[in-house]
C-alpha atoms as a PDB file:
ATOM      1  CA  MET A   1     -82.355-130.659 -57.802  1.00  0.00           C
ATOM      2  CA  PRO A   2     -81.303-127.048 -56.475  1.00  0.00           C
ATOM      3  CA  LYS A   3     -80.733-124.322 -59.585  1.00  0.00           C
ATOM      4  CA  GLU A   4     -77.667-121.487 -59.982  1.00  0.00           C
ATOM      5  CA  LEU A   5     -79.682-118.182 -60.101  1.00  0.00           C
ATOM      6  CA  ASN A   6     -76.740-116.309 -60.352  1.00  0.00           C
ATOM      7  CA  ALA A   7     -72.471-116.078 -60.362  1.00  0.00           C
ATOM      8  CA  GLU A   8     -70.571-113.358 -59.374  1.00  0.00           C
ATOM      9  CA  MET A   9     -67.057-112.966 -59.849  1.00  0.00           C
ATOM     10  CA  SER A  10     -63.895-110.085 -58.904  1.00  0.00           C
ATOM     11  CA  LEU A  11     -61.010-110.583 -59.155  1.00  0.00           C
ATOM     12  CA  VAL A  12     -58.943-109.446 -55.949  1.00  0.00           C
ATOM     13  CA  LYS A  13     -55.498-110.144 -57.010  1.00  0.00           C
ATOM     14  CA  MET A  14     -53.523-111.126 -60.078  1.00  0.00           C
ATOM     15  CA  ARG A  15     -49.748-111.633 -60.638  1.00  0.00           C
ATOM     16  CA  LEU A  16     -48.144-112.450 -64.032  1.00  0.00           C
ATOM     17  CA  SER A  17     -44.606-113.131 -64.166  1.00  0.00           C
ATOM     18  CA  ARG A  18     -43.963-112.118 -67.994  1.00  0.00           C
ATOM     19  CA  ARG A  19     -46.367-109.486 -69.958  1.00  0.00           C
ATOM     20  CA  ASN A  20     -45.009-110.368 -72.788  1.00  0.00           C
ATOM     21  CA  LEU A  21     -46.686-113.238 -73.754  1.00  0.00           C
ATOM     22  CA  SER A  22     -48.944-114.717 -76.513  1.00  0.00           C
ATOM     23  CA  LEU A  23     -52.356-115.695 -76.130  1.00  0.00           C
ATOM     24  CA  ASP A  24     -51.410-119.359 -76.745  1.00  0.00           C
ATOM     25  CA  GLN A  25     -49.265-119.478 -73.931  1.00  0.00           C
ATOM     26  CA  ALA A  26     -51.222-117.793 -71.384  1.00  0.00           C
ATOM     27  CA  ARG A  27     -54.482-120.131 -72.262  1.00  0.00           C
ATOM     28  CA  LEU A  28     -52.248-123.118 -71.932  1.00  0.00           C
ATOM     29  CA  LEU A  29     -50.362-121.791 -68.167  1.00  0.00           C
ATOM     30  CA  LEU A  30     -54.000-121.255 -67.237  1.00  0.00           C
ATOM     31  CA  ALA A  31     -55.124-124.576 -68.384  1.00  0.00           C
ATOM     32  CA  VAL A  32     -52.664-126.273 -66.191  1.00  0.00           C
ATOM     33  CA  ALA A  33     -53.130-124.102 -63.359  1.00  0.00           C
ATOM     34  CA  GLN A  34     -53.714-125.445 -59.845  1.00  0.00           C
ATOM     35  CA  VAL A  35     -57.118-123.951 -58.183  1.00  0.00           C
ATOM     36  CA  SER A  36     -57.740-124.332 -54.785  1.00  0.00           C
ATOM     37  CA  VAL A  37     -59.923-122.846 -52.021  1.00  0.00           C
ATOM     38  CA  PRO A  38     -57.743-122.676 -49.242  1.00  0.00           C
ATOM     39  CA  ASP A  39     -60.087-120.881 -46.817  1.00  0.00           C
ATOM     40  CA  GLU A  40     -63.832-121.950 -46.004  1.00  0.00           C
ATOM     41  CA  ILE A  41     -66.433-121.643 -48.169  1.00  0.00           C
ATOM     42  CA  LYS A  42     -69.682-119.627 -46.767  1.00  0.00           C
ATOM     43  CA  ALA A  43     -73.077-120.753 -47.241  1.00  0.00           C
ATOM     44  CA  LYS A  44     -75.814-118.720 -45.873  1.00  0.00           C
ATOM     45  CA  PHE A  45     -79.745-119.888 -46.353  1.00  0.00           C
ATOM     46  CA  LEU A  46     -82.285-116.840 -46.727  1.00  0.00           C
ATOM     47  CA  ARG A  47     -85.608-118.666 -45.558  1.00  0.00           C
ATOM     48  CA  ASP A  48     -87.574-115.717 -46.805  1.00  0.00           C
ATOM     49  CA  LYS A  49     -86.102-115.512 -50.218  1.00  0.00           C
ATOM     50  CA  GLY A  50     -85.753-119.449 -50.191  1.00  0.00           C
ATOM     51  CA  ILE A  51     -82.202-118.767 -51.953  1.00  0.00           C
ATOM     52  CA  SER A  52     -78.811-119.589 -50.896  1.00  0.00           C
ATOM     53  CA  THR A  53     -75.651-117.824 -51.456  1.00  0.00           C
ATOM     54  CA  VAL A  54     -72.271-119.729 -51.584  1.00  0.00           C
ATOM     55  CA  GLN A  55     -68.664-117.551 -51.173  1.00  0.00           C
ATOM     56  CA  ALA A  56     -65.581-118.595 -51.372  1.00  0.00           C
ATOM     57  CA  SER A  57     -62.157-117.141 -52.246  1.00  0.00           C
ATOM     58  CA  VAL A  58     -60.714-119.442 -54.798  1.00  0.00           C
ATOM     59  CA  HIS A  59     -56.289-119.075 -55.728  1.00  0.00           C
ATOM     60  CA  VAL A  60     -55.575-119.837 -59.147  1.00  0.00           C
ATOM     61  CA  ASP A  61     -51.710-120.615 -59.259  1.00  0.00           C
ATOM     62  CA  ALA A  62     -49.555-121.926 -62.579  1.00  0.00           C
ATOM     63  CA  VAL A  63     -45.988-122.255 -63.469  1.00  0.00           C
ATOM     64  CA  GLY A  64     -44.836-122.862 -67.032  1.00  0.00           C
ATOM     65  CA  GLN A  65     -41.667-123.132 -68.665  1.00  0.00           C
ATOM     66  CA  ALA A  66     -39.148-120.183 -69.099  1.00  0.00           C
ATOM     67  CA  SER A  67     -40.011-118.247 -65.865  1.00  0.00           C
ATOM     68  CA  LEU A  68     -44.013-117.891 -66.582  1.00  0.00           C
ATOM     69  CA  SER A  69     -45.967-117.600 -63.657  1.00  0.00           C
ATOM     70  CA  PHE A  70     -49.416-116.307 -62.802  1.00  0.00           C
ATOM     71  CA  HIS A  71     -51.236-116.104 -59.683  1.00  0.00           C
ATOM     72  CA  GLY A  72     -54.460-115.205 -58.666  1.00  0.00           C
ATOM     73  CA  ILE A  73     -57.273-114.627 -56.017  1.00  0.00           C
ATOM     74  CA  VAL A  74     -60.759-114.529 -57.185  1.00  0.00           C
ATOM     75  CA  HIS A  75     -63.429-114.022 -54.903  1.00  0.00           C
ATOM     76  CA  VAL A  76     -66.978-115.841 -56.139  1.00  0.00           C
ATOM     77  CA  LYS A  77     -70.569-115.939 -54.956  1.00  0.00           C
ATOM     78  CA  LEU A  78     -73.118-118.311 -56.449  1.00  0.00           C
ATOM     79  CA  THR A  79     -76.711-117.711 -55.739  1.00  0.00           C
ATOM     80  CA  TYR A  80     -79.039-121.462 -56.050  1.00  0.00           C
ATOM     81  CA  ARG A  81     -82.628-121.617 -55.285  1.00  0.00           C
ATOM     82  CA  GLY A  82     -83.053-124.122 -52.251  1.00  0.00           C
ATOM     83  CA  ASP A  83     -81.112-124.626 -48.898  1.00  0.00           C
ATOM     84  CA  MET A  84     -77.225-125.587 -49.751  1.00  0.00           C
ATOM     85  CA  VAL A  85     -76.294-125.242 -46.151  1.00  0.00           C
ATOM     86  CA  ARG A  86     -77.541-128.606 -45.758  1.00  0.00           C
ATOM     87  CA  SER A  87     -76.721-129.897 -48.671  1.00  0.00           C
ATOM     88  CA  SER A  88     -75.541-133.481 -49.728  1.00  0.00           C
ATOM     89  CA  PRO A  89     -71.791-134.407 -50.182  1.00  0.00           C
ATOM     90  CA  MET A  90     -72.365-134.881 -53.551  1.00  0.00           C
ATOM     91  CA  MET A  91     -73.933-131.486 -54.139  1.00  0.00           C
ATOM     92  CA  ARG A  92     -71.009-129.672 -52.391  1.00  0.00           C
ATOM     93  CA  GLU A  93     -69.118-131.444 -54.226  1.00  0.00           C
ATOM     94  CA  ARG A  94     -70.523-130.202 -57.576  1.00  0.00           C
ATOM     95  CA  ILE A  95     -70.651-126.259 -55.573  1.00  0.00           C
ATOM     96  CA  ASN A  96     -66.902-127.015 -55.368  1.00  0.00           C
ATOM     97  CA  HIS A  97     -66.129-127.605 -58.479  1.00  0.00           C
ATOM     98  CA  ARG A  98     -68.599-124.755 -59.859  1.00  0.00           C
ATOM     99  CA  LEU A  99     -66.607-122.254 -57.937  1.00  0.00           C
ATOM    100  CA  LEU A 100     -63.085-123.557 -59.086  1.00  0.00           C
ATOM    101  CA  GLU A 101     -64.388-123.376 -62.791  1.00  0.00           C
ATOM    102  CA  LEU A 102     -65.808-120.075 -62.583  1.00  0.00           C
ATOM    103  CA  ALA A 103     -62.264-118.759 -61.009  1.00  0.00           C
ATOM    104  CA  GLN A 104     -60.227-120.402 -63.362  1.00  0.00           C
ATOM    105  CA  LYS A 105     -62.451-118.739 -66.341  1.00  0.00           C
ATOM    106  CA  HIS A 106     -62.330-115.507 -64.596  1.00  0.00           C
ATOM    107  CA  CYS A 107     -58.715-115.165 -64.180  1.00  0.00           C
ATOM    108  CA  MET A 108     -58.239-116.344 -67.883  1.00  0.00           C
ATOM    109  CA  GLY A 109     -60.490-113.458 -69.086  1.00  0.00           C
ATOM    110  CA  ALA A 110     -58.800-111.139 -67.076  1.00  0.00           C
ATOM    111  CA  VAL A 111     -55.281-112.437 -68.816  1.00  0.00           C
ATOM    112  CA  PHE A 112     -56.417-112.078 -72.176  1.00  0.00           C
ATOM    113  CA  LYS A 113     -57.722-108.589 -71.351  1.00  0.00           C
ATOM    114  CA  GLU A 114     -54.738-107.150 -70.023  1.00  0.00           C
ATOM    115  CA  LEU A 115     -52.812-108.723 -73.362  1.00  0.00           C
ATOM    116  CA  ALA A 116     -54.954-106.948 -75.608  1.00  0.00           C
ATOM    117  CA  GLU A 117     -54.591-103.633 -73.723  1.00  0.00           C
ATOM    118  CA  GLN A 118     -51.065-104.402 -74.213  1.00  0.00           C
ATOM    119  CA  ARG A 119     -51.197-104.535 -77.863  1.00  0.00           C
ATOM    120  CA  LYS A 120     -53.266-101.763 -78.061  1.00  0.00           C
ATOM    121  CA  GLY A 121     -50.724 -99.600 -76.303  1.00  0.00           C
ATOM    122  CA  GLY A 122     -52.630 -99.050 -73.369  1.00  0.00           C
ATOM    123  CA  PRO A 123     -52.004 -98.904 -69.724  1.00  0.00           C
ATOM    124  CA  PRO A 124     -52.394-102.486 -68.308  1.00  0.00           C
ATOM    125  CA  THR A 125     -55.401-102.880 -65.656  1.00  0.00           C
END
């Protein structure tokens, strides 16, 4: 069984329709978000190091009540020990779920951070 060594995420784009929502509203909005990988998932095996990298741009979209909406794009890069390029369909499915899970969590953290900055009176990031 391949072992995940590292996970890197970076928020490429984020659009939140309402800025005056509560943390509970934000959590509910992102909990029901549609998460997808519209482009290809790129896998690369570095034979000399014995590790693989898997990269994808993951889209997170959510529409809630009272004109609440969220759109985010997160670039996720996973590093595994072993060859992920020639992995089984079941392993590919697990990697896909991991990409989606990490992107959704990263978006939730970014929204919470922005709401916290607003509450402090600082500029939104």
